[in-house]
């Protein structure tokens, strides 16, 4: 089995920063893309950032310039640095990864809540 565990969420004021972490554990041979998604109340889950195994990244327009995704392949961990946070960034943030285990798995974390409010 493979698990993803997120951490780092919490309450932050508008304009503030947070760094989310997601650690993968279990029977892992390699990890392909690692993503951060978010889901705000009443909205669909949306992609926030993606980092591929070689480090190249992708951001949708809503996250460009404020969010930075990075990964530590040695520790099977992905990070999301979020700066200049806005109230509309309030959501549950989920980690997602395509993992090469004994078979190919798409794995989701349990989510971590980020609340941006004064």
Protein backbone atom coordinates (compact mmCIF):
# COMPACT_ATOMS: atom_id res chain seq x y z
CA UNK A 1 0.00 0.00 0.00
CA UNK A 2 0.97 3.61 -0.58
CA UNK A 3 -0.13 6.55 1.52
CA UNK A 4 0.13 10.30 1.11
CA UNK A 5 0.02 12.44 4.24
CA UNK A 6 -0.34 16.23 3.97
CA UNK A 7 0.58 18.76 6.61
CA UNK A 8 1.03 22.50 6.99
CA UNK A 9 -2.50 23.82 6.61
CA UNK A 10 -4.04 26.31 8.98
CA UNK A 11 -5.38 29.82 9.41
CA UNK A 12 -3.48 32.67 7.80
CA UNK A 13 -4.27 36.34 7.22
CA UNK A 14 -4.69 37.73 3.71
CA UNK A 15 -1.30 38.45 2.22
CA UNK A 16 0.36 35.80 4.34
CA UNK A 17 2.19 32.61 3.40
CA UNK A 18 1.94 28.91 4.11
CA UNK A 19 3.99 25.91 3.12
CA UNK A 20 2.24 22.61 2.64
CA UNK A 21 4.03 19.28 2.69
CA UNK A 22 2.98 15.86 1.44
CA UNK A 23 4.97 12.74 2.19
CA UNK A 24 4.48 9.46 0.38
CA UNK A 25 5.16 6.17 2.13
CA UNK A 26 4.78 2.50 1.43
CA UNK A 27 5.97 0.19 -1.32
CA UNK A 28 7.22 2.82 -3.76
CA UNK A 29 9.51 2.11 -6.68
CA UNK A 30 9.15 5.57 -8.23
CA UNK A 31 6.74 8.47 -8.39
CA UNK A 32 5.75 10.16 -11.62
CA UNK A 33 3.87 13.44 -11.36
CA UNK A 34 2.98 14.86 -7.96
CA UNK A 35 0.15 17.35 -7.80
CA UNK A 36 -1.60 19.69 -5.45
CA UNK A 37 -5.33 20.14 -5.88
CA UNK A 38 -7.78 22.17 -3.87
CA UNK A 39 -11.50 22.13 -3.29
CA UNK A 40 -13.37 25.12 -1.93
CA UNK A 41 -16.84 24.77 -0.41
CA UNK A 42 -19.42 24.29 -3.11
CA UNK A 43 -16.83 24.10 -5.87
CA UNK A 44 -15.17 21.36 -7.87
CA UNK A 45 -11.70 20.13 -7.07
CA UNK A 46 -9.13 21.97 -9.18
CA UNK A 47 -5.47 21.51 -10.00
CA UNK A 48 -3.18 24.02 -8.30
CA UNK A 49 0.27 22.81 -9.33
CA UNK A 50 2.10 19.83 -10.78
CA UNK A 51 5.72 18.74 -10.60
CA UNK A 52 7.09 15.95 -12.77
CA UNK A 53 9.77 13.49 -11.75
CA UNK A 54 12.54 15.53 -13.35
CA UNK A 55 11.42 18.73 -11.63
CA UNK A 56 9.61 20.55 -14.41
CA UNK A 57 6.42 22.16 -13.25
CA UNK A 58 3.00 23.26 -14.43
CA UNK A 59 0.66 25.87 -12.94
CA UNK A 60 -2.78 26.94 -14.04
CA UNK A 61 -3.16 30.70 -14.49
CA UNK A 62 -4.88 31.07 -11.09
CA UNK A 63 -1.73 29.90 -9.27
CA UNK A 64 1.04 31.41 -11.39
CA UNK A 65 3.29 33.82 -9.58
CA UNK A 66 2.01 33.08 -6.06
CA UNK A 67 2.41 29.32 -5.65
CA UNK A 68 5.57 27.26 -6.03
CA UNK A 69 5.65 23.49 -6.10
CA UNK A 70 8.80 21.49 -5.43
CA UNK A 71 9.71 17.92 -4.60
CA UNK A 72 12.33 15.96 -2.73
CA UNK A 73 12.67 12.70 -4.61
CA UNK A 74 14.95 11.17 -2.00
CA UNK A 75 12.22 11.51 0.61
CA UNK A 76 9.19 11.11 -1.68
CA UNK A 77 7.89 14.48 -0.54
CA UNK A 78 6.24 17.33 -2.40
CA UNK A 79 5.84 20.88 -1.15
CA UNK A 80 3.60 23.81 -2.01
CA UNK A 81 4.78 27.25 -1.03
CA UNK A 82 1.87 29.67 -1.11
CA UNK A 83 2.49 33.41 -0.93
CA UNK A 84 0.25 36.47 -1.05
CA UNK A 85 -2.69 34.37 0.01
CA UNK A 86 -6.20 35.62 -0.66
CA UNK A 87 -9.53 34.70 0.96
CA UNK A 88 -10.46 32.89 -2.25
CA UNK A 89 -7.55 30.51 -1.67
CA UNK A 90 -9.49 29.07 1.26
CA UNK A 91 -9.99 25.38 0.53
CA UNK A 92 -9.02 21.87 1.43
CA UNK A 93 -5.74 21.14 -0.32
CA UNK A 94 -5.08 17.61 -1.50
CA UNK A 95 -1.90 15.91 -2.60
CA UNK A 96 -2.07 13.50 -5.53
CA UNK A 97 0.58 11.24 -7.00
CA UNK A 98 0.95 8.57 -9.65
CA UNK A 99 3.09 5.95 -7.98
CA UNK A 100 4.90 2.98 -9.42
CA UNK A 101 4.46 0.27 -6.80
CA UNK A 102 3.81 -3.38 -7.56
CA UNK A 103 1.33 -1.82 -9.93
CA UNK A 104 0.64 1.74 -11.04
CA UNK A 105 -1.43 3.57 -8.45
CA UNK A 106 -3.06 6.98 -8.34
CA UNK A 107 -3.06 7.99 -4.70
CA UNK A 108 -4.77 10.87 -2.87
CA UNK A 109 -3.97 12.31 0.51
CA UNK A 110 -6.62 13.05 3.12
CA UNK A 111 -6.43 16.81 2.59
CA UNK A 112 -5.35 19.73 4.72
CA UNK A 113 -7.51 22.81 5.33
CA UNK A 114 -6.19 26.24 4.46
CA UNK A 115 -8.24 29.18 5.68
CA UNK A 116 -7.33 32.71 4.63
CA UNK A 117 -9.16 35.19 6.77
CA UNK A 118 -8.57 38.27 8.89
